[in-house]
Amino acid sequence: MKTDPKQPLAERLVTLDRELAEVIALHRPERGAVEEVFVNQNGQSTLKLGQARGVCLLALARAGLPVAEYAPTLVKKAIVGTGGAEKAQVQAMLKVLLPGVKLAGADAADALAVAIAHAHLLRG
């Protein structure tokens, strides 16, 4: 999902909440998983990511779903085998794990990686 970068942040967060609620209602997942925020070089980007993550946590909790949170290094380790994997390595492994799937950008690849890591880690 993409929001309009010209919109004020508050409106973009409302859009995120509404569309995530629609996805939850349509697909009725049993649980949710989100990646923990990492601090990148741009403090503003980190803050905005944290706000969007908060909306996701709220939407999942509002739907009564248990939510797991994973560090980026744990997601990479579950997908590639090493926590220091590059994004390109994660995306390459996703193509192996999900043959035929077209990745709709880096954010979609990250979301799929979190979901697969969650399923893998649940099985122990």
PDB file of N, CA and C in Angstrom:
ATOM      1  N   MET A   1       0.835  -1.169   0.000  1.00  0.00           N
ATOM      2  CA  MET A   1       0.000   0.000   0.000  1.00  0.00           C
ATOM      3  C   MET A   1       0.886   1.240   0.000  1.00  0.00           C
ATOM      4  N   LYS A   2       0.531   2.182  -0.797  1.00  0.00           N
ATOM      5  CA  LYS A   2       1.247   3.451  -0.844  1.00  0.00           C
ATOM      6  C   LYS A   2       0.271   4.554  -0.463  1.00  0.00           C
ATOM      7  N   THR A   3       0.773   5.524   0.267  1.00  0.00           N
ATOM      8  CA  THR A   3      -0.027   6.701   0.560  1.00  0.00           C
ATOM      9  C   THR A   3       0.537   7.864  -0.243  1.00  0.00           C
ATOM     10  N   ASP A   4      -0.237   8.908  -0.351  1.00  0.00           N
ATOM     11  CA  ASP A   4       0.161  10.080  -1.120  1.00  0.00           C
ATOM     12  C   ASP A   4       1.121  10.927  -0.286  1.00  0.00           C
ATOM     13  N   PRO A   5       2.384  11.034  -0.712  1.00  0.00           N
ATOM     14  CA  PRO A   5       3.356  11.803   0.071  1.00  0.00           C
ATOM     15  C   PRO A   5       3.024  13.291   0.169  1.00  0.00           C
ATOM     16  N   LYS A   6       2.096  13.763  -0.650  1.00  0.00           N
ATOM     17  CA  LYS A   6       1.691  15.176  -0.585  1.00  0.00           C
ATOM     18  C   LYS A   6       0.688  15.421   0.533  1.00  0.00           C
ATOM     19  N   GLN A   7       0.065  14.352   1.024  1.00  0.00           N
ATOM     20  CA  GLN A   7      -0.896  14.496   2.121  1.00  0.00           C
ATOM     21  C   GLN A   7      -0.173  14.737   3.434  1.00  0.00           C
ATOM     22  N   PRO A   8      -0.827  15.416   4.359  1.00  0.00           N
ATOM     23  CA  PRO A   8      -0.245  15.546   5.705  1.00  0.00           C
ATOM     24  C   PRO A   8      -0.085  14.157   6.337  1.00  0.00           C
ATOM     25  N   LEU A   9       0.898  14.031   7.207  1.00  0.00           N
ATOM     26  CA  LEU A   9       1.191  12.750   7.834  1.00  0.00           C
ATOM     27  C   LEU A   9      -0.035  12.155   8.521  1.00  0.00           C
ATOM     28  N   ALA A  10      -0.793  12.967   9.245  1.00  0.00           N
ATOM     29  CA  ALA A  10      -1.963  12.453   9.961  1.00  0.00           C
ATOM     30  C   ALA A  10      -2.953  11.789   9.006  1.00  0.00           C
ATOM     31  N   GLU A  11      -3.173  12.383   7.842  1.00  0.00           N
ATOM     32  CA  GLU A  11      -4.091  11.801   6.860  1.00  0.00           C
ATOM     33  C   GLU A  11      -3.532  10.499   6.302  1.00  0.00           C
ATOM     34  N   ARG A  12      -2.228  10.455   6.112  1.00  0.00           N
ATOM     35  CA  ARG A  12      -1.600   9.231   5.611  1.00  0.00           C
ATOM     36  C   ARG A  12      -1.737   8.108   6.632  1.00  0.00           C
ATOM     37  N   LEU A  13      -1.621   8.430   7.908  1.00  0.00           N
ATOM     38  CA  LEU A  13      -1.771   7.416   8.951  1.00  0.00           C
ATOM     39  C   LEU A  13      -3.208   6.913   9.025  1.00  0.00           C
ATOM     40  N   VAL A  14      -4.186   7.804   8.821  1.00  0.00           N
ATOM     41  CA  VAL A  14      -5.591   7.400   8.788  1.00  0.00           C
ATOM     42  C   VAL A  14      -5.826   6.438   7.621  1.00  0.00           C
ATOM     43  N   THR A  15      -5.249   6.744   6.466  1.00  0.00           N
ATOM     44  CA  THR A  15      -5.373   5.873   5.298  1.00  0.00           C
ATOM     45  C   THR A  15      -4.779   4.496   5.603  1.00  0.00           C
ATOM     46  N   LEU A  16      -3.614   4.482   6.206  1.00  0.00           N
ATOM     47  CA  LEU A  16      -2.971   3.225   6.575  1.00  0.00           C
ATOM     48  C   LEU A  16      -3.857   2.407   7.505  1.00  0.00           C
ATOM     49  N   ASP A  17      -4.425   3.053   8.516  1.00  0.00           N
ATOM     50  CA  ASP A  17      -5.294   2.373   9.477  1.00  0.00           C
ATOM     51  C   ASP A  17      -6.528   1.799   8.781  1.00  0.00           C
ATOM     52  N   ARG A  18      -7.167   2.607   7.954  1.00  0.00           N
ATOM     53  CA  ARG A  18      -8.392   2.174   7.273  1.00  0.00           C
ATOM     54  C   ARG A  18      -8.109   0.985   6.353  1.00  0.00           C
ATOM     55  N   GLU A  19      -7.042   1.080   5.561  1.00  0.00           N
ATOM     56  CA  GLU A  19      -6.757   0.007   4.610  1.00  0.00           C
ATOM     57  C   GLU A  19      -6.283  -1.268   5.299  1.00  0.00           C
ATOM     58  N   LEU A  20      -5.541  -1.124   6.380  1.00  0.00           N
ATOM     59  CA  LEU A  20      -5.126  -2.304   7.134  1.00  0.00           C
ATOM     60  C   LEU A  20      -6.343  -2.975   7.774  1.00  0.00           C
ATOM     61  N   ALA A  21      -7.272  -2.193   8.290  1.00  0.00           N
ATOM     62  CA  ALA A  21      -8.503  -2.756   8.863  1.00  0.00           C
ATOM     63  C   ALA A  21      -9.290  -3.515   7.799  1.00  0.00           C
ATOM     64  N   GLU A  22      -9.310  -3.001   6.566  1.00  0.00           N
ATOM     65  CA  GLU A  22      -9.999  -3.689   5.472  1.00  0.00           C
ATOM     66  C   GLU A  22      -9.327  -5.022   5.152  1.00  0.00           C
ATOM     67  N   VAL A  23      -8.004  -5.036   5.129  1.00  0.00           N
ATOM     68  CA  VAL A  23      -7.262  -6.274   4.857  1.00  0.00           C
ATOM     69  C   VAL A  23      -7.529  -7.301   5.959  1.00  0.00           C
ATOM     70  N   ILE A  24      -7.526  -6.851   7.195  1.00  0.00           N
ATOM     71  CA  ILE A  24      -7.792  -7.755   8.324  1.00  0.00           C
ATOM     72  C   ILE A  24      -9.209  -8.325   8.230  1.00  0.00           C
ATOM     73  N   ALA A  25     -10.182  -7.475   7.926  1.00  0.00           N
ATOM     74  CA  ALA A  25     -11.569  -7.937   7.812  1.00  0.00           C
ATOM     75  C   ALA A  25     -11.742  -8.910   6.649  1.00  0.00           C
ATOM     76  N   LEU A  26     -11.075  -8.655   5.547  1.00  0.00           N
ATOM     77  CA  LEU A  26     -11.202  -9.499   4.364  1.00  0.00           C
ATOM     78  C   LEU A  26     -10.536 -10.858   4.543  1.00  0.00           C
ATOM     79  N   HIS A  27      -9.327 -10.864   5.097  1.00  0.00           N
ATOM     80  CA  HIS A  27      -8.545 -12.099   5.162  1.00  0.00           C
ATOM     81  C   HIS A  27      -8.604 -12.823   6.510  1.00  0.00           C
ATOM     82  N   ARG A  28      -9.090 -12.157   7.531  1.00  0.00           N
ATOM     83  CA  ARG A  28      -9.273 -12.746   8.858  1.00  0.00           C
ATOM     84  C   ARG A  28      -8.051 -13.537   9.357  1.00  0.00           C
ATOM     85  N   PRO A  29      -6.904 -12.870   9.480  1.00  0.00           N
ATOM     86  CA  PRO A  29      -5.715 -13.580   9.977  1.00  0.00           C
ATOM     87  C   PRO A  29      -5.899 -13.986  11.440  1.00  0.00           C
ATOM     88  N   GLU A  30      -5.119 -14.956  11.864  1.00  0.00           N
ATOM     89  CA  GLU A  30      -5.168 -15.417  13.250  1.00  0.00           C
ATOM     90  C   GLU A  30      -4.223 -14.648  14.153  1.00  0.00           C
ATOM     91  N   ARG A  31      -3.210 -14.004  13.552  1.00  0.00           N
ATOM     92  CA  ARG A  31      -2.217 -13.253  14.324  1.00  0.00           C
ATOM     93  C   ARG A  31      -1.510 -12.286  13.403  1.00  0.00           C
ATOM     94  N   GLY A  32      -0.747 -11.394  13.992  1.00  0.00           N
ATOM     95  CA  GLY A  32       0.013 -10.433  13.203  1.00  0.00           C
ATOM     96  C   GLY A  32       1.475 -10.435  13.629  1.00  0.00           C
ATOM     97  N   ALA A  33       2.304  -9.883  12.775  1.00  0.00           N
ATOM     98  CA  ALA A  33       3.722  -9.751  13.087  1.00  0.00           C
ATOM     99  C   ALA A  33       4.228  -8.455  12.467  1.00  0.00           C
ATOM    100  N   VAL A  34       5.073  -7.764  13.202  1.00  0.00           N
ATOM    101  CA  VAL A  34       5.666  -6.523  12.709  1.00  0.00           C
ATOM    102  C   VAL A  34       7.153  -6.528  13.024  1.00  0.00           C
ATOM    103  N   GLU A  35       7.877  -5.797  12.207  1.00  0.00           N
ATOM    104  CA  GLU A  35       9.306  -5.651  12.431  1.00  0.00           C
ATOM    105  C   GLU A  35       9.539  -4.511  13.418  1.00  0.00           C
ATOM    106  N   GLU A  36      10.469  -4.704  14.317  1.00  0.00           N
ATOM    107  CA  GLU A  36      10.824  -3.639  15.243  1.00  0.00           C
ATOM    108  C   GLU A  36      11.472  -2.494  14.466  1.00  0.00           C
ATOM    109  N   VAL A  37      11.319  -1.298  14.971  1.00  0.00           N
ATOM    110  CA  VAL A  37      11.912  -0.136  14.310  1.00  0.00           C
ATOM    111  C   VAL A  37      13.417  -0.178  14.470  1.00  0.00           C
ATOM    112  N   PHE A  38      14.105   0.077  13.375  1.00  0.00           N
ATOM    113  CA  PHE A  38      15.543   0.234  13.433  1.00  0.00           C
ATOM    114  C   PHE A  38      15.831   1.719  13.273  1.00  0.00           C
ATOM    115  N   VAL A  39      16.884   2.172  13.855  1.00  0.00           N
ATOM    116  CA  VAL A  39      17.256   3.588  13.758  1.00  0.00           C
ATOM    117  C   VAL A  39      18.154   3.741  12.545  1.00  0.00           C
ATOM    118  N   ASN A  40      17.680   4.534  11.576  1.00  0.00           N
ATOM    119  CA  ASN A  40      18.532   4.768  10.425  1.00  0.00           C
ATOM    120  C   ASN A  40      19.152   6.158  10.535  1.00  0.00           C
ATOM    121  N   GLN A  41      19.847   6.574   9.519  1.00  0.00           N
ATOM    122  CA  GLN A  41      20.590   7.826   9.591  1.00  0.00           C
ATOM    123  C   GLN A  41      19.696   9.052   9.610  1.00  0.00           C
ATOM    124  N   ASN A  42      18.490   8.944   9.083  1.00  0.00           N
ATOM    125  CA  ASN A  42      17.580  10.076   9.042  1.00  0.00           C
ATOM    126  C   ASN A  42      16.578   9.954  10.186  1.00  0.00           C
ATOM    127  N   GLY A  43      16.722  10.800  11.175  1.00  0.00           N
ATOM    128  CA  GLY A  43      15.851  10.752  12.347  1.00  0.00           C
ATOM    129  C   GLY A  43      14.384  10.958  12.008  1.00  0.00           C
ATOM    130  N   GLN A  44      14.088  11.839  11.054  1.00  0.00           N
ATOM    131  CA  GLN A  44      12.702  12.085  10.654  1.00  0.00           C
ATOM    132  C   GLN A  44      12.076  10.829  10.041  1.00  0.00           C
ATOM    133  N   SER A  45      12.848  10.125   9.217  1.00  0.00           N
ATOM    134  CA  SER A  45      12.343   8.893   8.602  1.00  0.00           C
ATOM    135  C   SER A  45      12.076   7.836   9.667  1.00  0.00           C
ATOM    136  N   THR A  46      12.971   7.737  10.635  1.00  0.00           N
ATOM    137  CA  THR A  46      12.798   6.773  11.718  1.00  0.00           C
ATOM    138  C   THR A  46      11.536   7.089  12.516  1.00  0.00           C
ATOM    139  N   LEU A  47      11.319   8.366  12.800  1.00  0.00           N
ATOM    140  CA  LEU A  47      10.136   8.778  13.554  1.00  0.00           C
ATOM    141  C   LEU A  47       8.858   8.452  12.787  1.00  0.00           C
ATOM    142  N   LYS A  48       8.827   8.763  11.496  1.00  0.00           N
ATOM    143  CA  LYS A  48       7.633   8.482  10.685  1.00  0.00           C
ATOM    144  C   LYS A  48       7.384   6.984  10.585  1.00  0.00           C
ATOM    145  N   LEU A  49       8.445   6.204  10.440  1.00  0.00           N
ATOM    146  CA  LEU A  49       8.304   4.756  10.404  1.00  0.00           C
ATOM    147  C   LEU A  49       7.717   4.253  11.723  1.00  0.00           C
ATOM    148  N   GLY A  50       8.179   4.807  12.827  1.00  0.00           N
ATOM    149  CA  GLY A  50       7.650   4.418  14.131  1.00  0.00           C
ATOM    150  C   GLY A  50       6.173   4.751  14.276  1.00  0.00           C
ATOM    151  N   GLN A  51       5.768   5.881  13.718  1.00  0.00           N
ATOM    152  CA  GLN A  51       4.356   6.258  13.788  1.00  0.00           C
ATOM    153  C   GLN A  51       3.496   5.306  12.956  1.00  0.00           C
ATOM    154  N   ALA A  52       3.973   4.956  11.766  1.00  0.00           N
ATOM    155  CA  ALA A  52       3.236   4.002  10.923  1.00  0.00           C
ATOM    156  C   ALA A  52       3.179   2.633  11.588  1.00  0.00           C
ATOM    157  N   ARG A  53       4.272   2.248  12.211  1.00  0.00           N
ATOM    158  CA  ARG A  53       4.315   0.970  12.922  1.00  0.00           C
ATOM    159  C   ARG A  53       3.298   0.966  14.061  1.00  0.00           C
ATOM    160  N   GLY A  54       3.188   2.090  14.761  1.00  0.00           N
ATOM    161  CA  GLY A  54       2.203   2.214  15.838  1.00  0.00           C
ATOM    162  C   GLY A  54       0.780   2.033  15.330  1.00  0.00           C
ATOM    163  N   VAL A  55       0.488   2.589  14.161  1.00  0.00           N
ATOM    164  CA  VAL A  55      -0.833   2.414  13.556  1.00  0.00           C
ATOM    165  C   VAL A  55      -1.076   0.934  13.265  1.00  0.00           C
ATOM    166  N   CYS A  56      -0.064   0.258  12.753  1.00  0.00           N
ATOM    167  CA  CYS A  56      -0.195  -1.177  12.459  1.00  0.00           C
ATOM    168  C   CYS A  56      -0.441  -1.979  13.735  1.00  0.00           C
ATOM    169  N   LEU A  57       0.311  -1.688  14.774  1.00  0.00           N
ATOM    170  CA  LEU A  57       0.115  -2.383  16.058  1.00  0.00           C
ATOM    171  C   LEU A  57      -1.296  -2.137  16.591  1.00  0.00           C
ATOM    172  N   LEU A  58      -1.751  -0.901  16.497  1.00  0.00           N
ATOM    173  CA  LEU A  58      -3.088  -0.560  16.966  1.00  0.00           C
ATOM    174  C   LEU A  58      -4.158  -1.307  16.175  1.00  0.00           C
ATOM    175  N   ALA A  59      -4.040  -1.324  14.855  1.00  0.00           N
ATOM    176  CA  ALA A  59      -5.041  -1.998  14.021  1.00  0.00           C
ATOM    177  C   ALA A  59      -5.105  -3.488  14.347  1.00  0.00           C
ATOM    178  N   LEU A  60      -3.959  -4.109  14.511  1.00  0.00           N
ATOM    179  CA  LEU A  60      -3.928  -5.535  14.855  1.00  0.00           C
ATOM    180  C   LEU A  60      -4.521  -5.784  16.239  1.00  0.00           C
ATOM    181  N   ALA A  61      -4.149  -4.953  17.198  1.00  0.00           N
ATOM    182  CA  ALA A  61      -4.672  -5.113  18.564  1.00  0.00           C
ATOM    183  C   ALA A  61      -6.173  -4.845  18.603  1.00  0.00           C
ATOM    184  N   ARG A  62      -6.619  -3.843  17.864  1.00  0.00           N
ATOM    185  CA  ARG A  62      -8.049  -3.516  17.817  1.00  0.00           C
ATOM    186  C   ARG A  62      -8.857  -4.697  17.279  1.00  0.00           C
ATOM    187  N   ALA A  63      -8.254  -5.460  16.368  1.00  0.00           N
ATOM    188  CA  ALA A  63      -8.920  -6.639  15.801  1.00  0.00           C
ATOM    189  C   ALA A  63      -8.817  -7.852  16.725  1.00  0.00           C
ATOM    190  N   GLY A  64      -8.161  -7.678  17.875  1.00  0.00           N
ATOM    191  CA  GLY A  64      -8.045  -8.760  18.841  1.00  0.00           C
ATOM    192  C   GLY A  64      -7.000  -9.804  18.491  1.00  0.00           C
ATOM    193  N   LEU A  65      -6.047  -9.415  17.635  1.00  0.00           N
ATOM    194  CA  LEU A  65      -5.031 -10.374  17.192  1.00  0.00           C
ATOM    195  C   LEU A  65      -3.787 -10.306  18.057  1.00  0.00           C
ATOM    196  N   PRO A  66      -3.211 -11.454  18.394  1.00  0.00           N
ATOM    197  CA  PRO A  66      -1.908 -11.421  19.052  1.00  0.00           C
ATOM    198  C   PRO A  66      -0.873 -10.921  18.051  1.00  0.00           C
ATOM    199  N   VAL A  67       0.084 -10.149  18.533  1.00  0.00           N
ATOM    200  CA  VAL A  67       1.078  -9.541  17.656  1.00  0.00           C
ATOM    201  C   VAL A  67       2.478  -9.900  18.148  1.00  0.00           C
ATOM    202  N   ALA A  68       3.278 -10.407  17.238  1.00  0.00           N
ATOM    203  CA  ALA A  68       4.689 -10.685  17.529  1.00  0.00           C
ATOM    204  C   ALA A  68       5.525  -9.577  16.899  1.00  0.00           C
ATOM    205  N   GLU A  69       6.630  -9.249  17.549  1.00  0.00           N
ATOM    206  CA  GLU A  69       7.533  -8.229  17.034  1.00  0.00           C
ATOM    207  C   GLU A  69       8.919  -8.848  16.896  1.00  0.00           C
ATOM    208  N   TYR A  70       9.551  -8.572  15.738  1.00  0.00           N
ATOM    209  CA  TYR A  70      10.838  -9.180  15.450  1.00  0.00           C
ATOM    210  C   TYR A  70      11.877  -8.139  15.061  1.00  0.00           C
ATOM    211  N   ALA A  71      13.076  -8.321  15.569  1.00  0.00           N
ATOM    212  CA  ALA A  71      14.194  -7.473  15.174  1.00  0.00           C
ATOM    213  C   ALA A  71      14.548  -7.775  13.720  1.00  0.00           C
ATOM    214  N   PRO A  72      14.974  -6.761  12.968  1.00  0.00           N
ATOM    215  CA  PRO A  72      15.354  -6.996  11.566  1.00  0.00           C
ATOM    216  C   PRO A  72      16.404  -8.101  11.411  1.00  0.00           C
ATOM    217  N   THR A  73      17.347  -8.182  12.336  1.00  0.00           N
ATOM    218  CA  THR A  73      18.381  -9.222  12.229  1.00  0.00           C
ATOM    219  C   THR A  73      17.788 -10.622  12.391  1.00  0.00           C
ATOM    220  N   LEU A  74      16.762 -10.766  13.226  1.00  0.00           N
ATOM    221  CA  LEU A  74      16.123 -12.070  13.406  1.00  0.00           C
ATOM    222  C   LEU A  74      15.349 -12.460  12.152  1.00  0.00           C
ATOM    223  N   VAL A  75      14.689 -11.489  11.521  1.00  0.00           N
ATOM    224  CA  VAL A  75      13.969 -11.760  10.271  1.00  0.00           C
ATOM    225  C   VAL A  75      14.957 -12.215   9.201  1.00  0.00           C
ATOM    226  N   LYS A  76      16.064 -11.493   9.060  1.00  0.00           N
ATOM    227  CA  LYS A  76      17.075 -11.861   8.064  1.00  0.00           C
ATOM    228  C   LYS A  76      17.638 -13.252   8.333  1.00  0.00           C
ATOM    229  N   LYS A  77      17.891 -13.553   9.593  1.00  0.00           N
ATOM    230  CA  LYS A  77      18.438 -14.868   9.939  1.00  0.00           C
ATOM    231  C   LYS A  77      17.442 -15.978   9.606  1.00  0.00           C
ATOM    232  N   ALA A  78      16.156 -15.732   9.865  1.00  0.00           N
ATOM    233  CA  ALA A  78      15.136 -16.746   9.573  1.00  0.00           C
ATOM    234  C   ALA A  78      14.970 -16.971   8.076  1.00  0.00           C
ATOM    235  N   ILE A  79      15.187 -15.943   7.276  1.00  0.00           N
ATOM    236  CA  ILE A  79      14.984 -16.055   5.826  1.00  0.00           C
ATOM    237  C   ILE A  79      16.253 -16.512   5.115  1.00  0.00           C
ATOM    238  N   VAL A  80      17.391 -15.896   5.441  1.00  0.00           N
ATOM    239  CA  VAL A  80      18.635 -16.130   4.705  1.00  0.00           C
ATOM    240  C   VAL A  80      19.601 -17.047   5.454  1.00  0.00           C
ATOM    241  N   GLY A  81      19.515 -17.022   6.789  1.00  0.00           N
ATOM    242  CA  GLY A  81      20.441 -17.830   7.580  1.00  0.00           C
ATOM    243  C   GLY A  81      21.474 -17.005   8.303  1.00  0.00           C
ATOM    244  N   THR A  82      21.507 -15.707   8.029  1.00  0.00           N
ATOM    245  CA  THR A  82      22.424 -14.804   8.731  1.00  0.00           C
ATOM    246  C   THR A  82      21.724 -13.475   8.983  1.00  0.00           C
ATOM    247  N   GLY A  83      21.904 -12.958  10.181  1.00  0.00           N
ATOM    248  CA  GLY A  83      21.282 -11.690  10.555  1.00  0.00           C
ATOM    249  C   GLY A  83      21.888 -10.483   9.880  1.00  0.00           C
ATOM    250  N   GLY A  84      23.038 -10.676   9.235  1.00  0.00           N
ATOM    251  CA  GLY A  84      23.687  -9.561   8.552  1.00  0.00           C
ATOM    252  C   GLY A  84      23.418  -9.533   7.057  1.00  0.00           C
ATOM    253  N   ALA A  85      22.411 -10.270   6.604  1.00  0.00           N
ATOM    254  CA  ALA A  85      22.111 -10.338   5.171  1.00  0.00           C
ATOM    255  C   ALA A  85      21.707  -8.975   4.630  1.00  0.00           C
ATOM    256  N   GLU A  86      22.044  -8.747   3.377  1.00  0.00           N
ATOM    257  CA  GLU A  86      21.636  -7.532   2.675  1.00  0.00           C
ATOM    258  C   GLU A  86      20.205  -7.698   2.171  1.00  0.00           C
ATOM    259  N   LYS A  87      19.536  -6.568   1.908  1.00  0.00           N
ATOM    260  CA  LYS A  87      18.169  -6.616   1.394  1.00  0.00           C
ATOM    261  C   LYS A  87      18.071  -7.446   0.111  1.00  0.00           C
ATOM    262  N   ALA A  88      19.065  -7.329  -0.752  1.00  0.00           N
ATOM    263  CA  ALA A  88      19.056  -8.080  -2.015  1.00  0.00           C
ATOM    264  C   ALA A  88      19.081  -9.589  -1.753  1.00  0.00           C
ATOM    265  N   GLN A  89      19.803 -10.015  -0.719  1.00  0.00           N
ATOM    266  CA  GLN A  89      19.853 -11.436  -0.379  1.00  0.00           C
ATOM    267  C   GLN A  89      18.493 -11.907   0.132  1.00  0.00           C
ATOM    268  N   VAL A  90      17.852 -11.082   0.950  1.00  0.00           N
ATOM    269  CA  VAL A  90      16.518 -11.434   1.464  1.00  0.00           C
ATOM    270  C   VAL A  90      15.547 -11.553   0.300  1.00  0.00           C
ATOM    271  N   GLN A  91      15.575 -10.595  -0.612  1.00  0.00           N
ATOM    272  CA  GLN A  91      14.664 -10.625  -1.756  1.00  0.00           C
ATOM    273  C   GLN A  91      14.926 -11.835  -2.654  1.00  0.00           C
ATOM    274  N   ALA A  92      16.191 -12.193  -2.832  1.00  0.00           N
ATOM    275  CA  ALA A  92      16.517 -13.373  -3.637  1.00  0.00           C
ATOM    276  C   ALA A  92      15.970 -14.639  -2.977  1.00  0.00           C
ATOM    277  N   MET A  93      16.092 -14.727  -1.667  1.00  0.00           N
ATOM    278  CA  MET A  93      15.585 -15.908  -0.964  1.00  0.00           C
ATOM    279  C   MET A  93      14.057 -15.950  -0.997  1.00  0.00           C
ATOM    280  N   LEU A  94      13.414 -14.793  -0.939  1.00  0.00           N
ATOM    281  CA  LEU A  94      11.948 -14.762  -1.042  1.00  0.00           C
ATOM    282  C   LEU A  94      11.501 -15.336  -2.383  1.00  0.00           C
ATOM    283  N   LYS A  95      12.255 -15.044  -3.444  1.00  0.00           N
ATOM    284  CA  LYS A  95      11.909 -15.569  -4.764  1.00  0.00           C
ATOM    285  C   LYS A  95      12.073 -17.083  -4.810  1.00  0.00           C
ATOM    286  N   VAL A  96      13.001 -17.614  -4.022  1.00  0.00           N
ATOM    287  CA  VAL A  96      13.169 -19.066  -3.930  1.00  0.00           C
ATOM    288  C   VAL A  96      12.023 -19.677  -3.124  1.00  0.00           C
ATOM    289  N   LEU A  97      11.679 -19.044  -2.014  1.00  0.00           N
ATOM    290  CA  LEU A  97      10.632 -19.558  -1.132  1.00  0.00           C
ATOM    291  C   LEU A  97       9.235 -19.404  -1.724  1.00  0.00           C
ATOM    292  N   LEU A  98       9.054 -18.354  -2.528  1.00  0.00           N
ATOM    293  CA  LEU A  98       7.751 -18.059  -3.124  1.00  0.00           C
ATOM    294  C   LEU A  98       7.896 -17.939  -4.648  1.00  0.00           C
ATOM    295  N   PRO A  99       8.165 -19.046  -5.318  1.00  0.00           N
ATOM    296  CA  PRO A  99       8.400 -18.965  -6.764  1.00  0.00           C
ATOM    297  C   PRO A  99       7.185 -18.390  -7.487  1.00  0.00           C
ATOM    298  N   GLY A 100       7.457 -17.517  -8.429  1.00  0.00           N
ATOM    299  CA  GLY A 100       6.389 -16.906  -9.209  1.00  0.00           C
ATOM    300  C   GLY A 100       5.807 -15.647  -8.614  1.00  0.00           C
ATOM    301  N   VAL A 101       6.153 -15.357  -7.367  1.00  0.00           N
ATOM    302  CA  VAL A 101       5.626 -14.155  -6.719  1.00  0.00           C
ATOM    303  C   VAL A 101       6.405 -12.944  -7.207  1.00  0.00           C
ATOM    304  N   LYS A 102       5.678 -11.910  -7.587  1.00  0.00           N
ATOM    305  CA  LYS A 102       6.293 -10.654  -8.007  1.00  0.00           C
ATOM    306  C   LYS A 102       6.340  -9.738  -6.785  1.00  0.00           C
ATOM    307  N   LEU A 103       7.523  -9.360  -6.380  1.00  0.00           N
ATOM    308  CA  LEU A 103       7.681  -8.482  -5.227  1.00  0.00           C
ATOM    309  C   LEU A 103       7.360  -7.054  -5.652  1.00  0.00           C
ATOM    310  N   ALA A 104       6.423  -6.436  -4.968  1.00  0.00           N
ATOM    311  CA  ALA A 104       5.977  -5.080  -5.306  1.00  0.00           C
ATOM    312  C   ALA A 104       6.800  -4.044  -4.550  1.00  0.00           C
ATOM    313  N   GLY A 105       8.112  -4.163  -4.613  1.00  0.00           N
ATOM    314  CA  GLY A 105       8.979  -3.192  -3.971  1.00  0.00           C
ATOM    315  C   GLY A 105       9.598  -3.700  -2.685  1.00  0.00           C
ATOM    316  N   ALA A 106      10.501  -2.891  -2.162  1.00  0.00           N
ATOM    317  CA  ALA A 106      11.259  -3.270  -0.967  1.00  0.00           C
ATOM    318  C   ALA A 106      10.371  -3.409   0.266  1.00  0.00           C
ATOM    319  N   ASP A 107       9.377  -2.542   0.409  1.00  0.00           N
ATOM    320  CA  ASP A 107       8.499  -2.621   1.580  1.00  0.00           C
ATOM    321  C   ASP A 107       7.672  -3.902   1.561  1.00  0.00           C
ATOM    322  N   ALA A 108       7.174  -4.277   0.392  1.00  0.00           N
ATOM    323  CA  ALA A 108       6.409  -5.519   0.268  1.00  0.00           C
ATOM    324  C   ALA A 108       7.295  -6.726   0.570  1.00  0.00           C
ATOM    325  N   ALA A 109       8.538  -6.669   0.089  1.00  0.00           N
ATOM    326  CA  ALA A 109       9.481  -7.759   0.366  1.00  0.00           C
ATOM    327  C   ALA A 109       9.747  -7.860   1.867  1.00  0.00           C
ATOM    328  N   ASP A 110       9.911  -6.726   2.521  1.00  0.00           N
ATOM    329  CA  ASP A 110      10.122  -6.729   3.976  1.00  0.00           C
ATOM    330  C   ASP A 110       8.931  -7.340   4.696  1.00  0.00           C
ATOM    331  N   ALA A 111       7.723  -6.984   4.272  1.00  0.00           N
ATOM    332  CA  ALA A 111       6.511  -7.512   4.913  1.00  0.00           C
ATOM    333  C   ALA A 111       6.408  -9.022   4.726  1.00  0.00           C
ATOM    334  N   LEU A 112       6.697  -9.496   3.526  1.00  0.00           N
ATOM    335  CA  LEU A 112       6.680 -10.941   3.283  1.00  0.00           C
ATOM    336  C   LEU A 112       7.740 -11.649   4.117  1.00  0.00           C
ATOM    337  N   ALA A 113       8.901 -11.043   4.230  1.00  0.00           N
ATOM    338  CA  ALA A 113       9.968 -11.645   5.037  1.00  0.00           C
ATOM    339  C   ALA A 113       9.548 -11.761   6.495  1.00  0.00           C
ATOM    340  N   VAL A 114       8.909 -10.735   7.026  1.00  0.00           N
ATOM    341  CA  VAL A 114       8.435 -10.786   8.417  1.00  0.00           C
ATOM    342  C   VAL A 114       7.388 -11.891   8.576  1.00  0.00           C
ATOM    343  N   ALA A 115       6.472 -11.990   7.626  1.00  0.00           N
ATOM    344  CA  ALA A 115       5.429 -13.013   7.706  1.00  0.00           C
ATOM    345  C   ALA A 115       6.020 -14.423   7.654  1.00  0.00           C
ATOM    346  N   ILE A 116       6.960 -14.638   6.756  1.00  0.00           N
ATOM    347  CA  ILE A 116       7.591 -15.968   6.647  1.00  0.00           C
ATOM    348  C   ILE A 116       8.419 -16.276   7.882  1.00  0.00           C
ATOM    349  N   ALA A 117       9.155 -15.292   8.356  1.00  0.00           N
ATOM    350  CA  ALA A 117       9.945 -15.493   9.585  1.00  0.00           C
ATOM    351  C   ALA A 117       9.025 -15.838  10.758  1.00  0.00           C
ATOM    352  N   HIS A 118       7.914 -15.139  10.849  1.00  0.00           N
ATOM    353  CA  HIS A 118       6.953 -15.393  11.933  1.00  0.00           C
ATOM    354  C   HIS A 118       6.436 -16.831  11.859  1.00  0.00           C
ATOM    355  N   ALA A 119       6.039 -17.255  10.670  1.00  0.00           N
ATOM    356  CA  ALA A 119       5.533 -18.629  10.513  1.00  0.00           C
ATOM    357  C   ALA A 119       6.619 -19.643  10.869  1.00  0.00           C
ATOM    358  N   HIS A 120       7.838 -19.376  10.437  1.00  0.00           N
ATOM    359  CA  HIS A 120       8.956 -20.272  10.716  1.00  0.00           C
ATOM    360  C   HIS A 120       9.249 -20.317  12.227  1.00  0.00           C
ATOM    361  N   LEU A 121       9.267 -19.161  12.852  1.00  0.00           N
ATOM    362  CA  LEU A 121       9.600 -19.107  14.276  1.00  0.00           C
ATOM    363  C   LEU A 121       8.479 -19.667  15.141  1.00  0.00           C
ATOM    364  N   LEU A 122       7.240 -19.607  14.679  1.00  0.00           N
ATOM    365  CA  LEU A 122       6.131 -20.196  15.431  1.00  0.00           C
ATOM    366  C   LEU A 122       6.256 -21.716  15.506  1.00  0.00           C
ATOM    367  N   ARG A 123       6.745 -22.286  14.416  1.00  0.00           N
ATOM    368  CA  ARG A 123       6.896 -23.749  14.379  1.00  0.00           C
ATOM    369  C   ARG A 123       8.048 -24.220  15.239  1.00  0.00           C
ATOM    370  N   GLY A 124       8.960 -23.286  15.545  1.00  0.00           N
ATOM    371  CA  GLY A 124      10.089 -23.575  16.412  1.00  0.00           C
ATOM    372  C   GLY A 124      11.088 -24.415  15.765  1.00  0.00           C
TER     373      GLY A 124
END
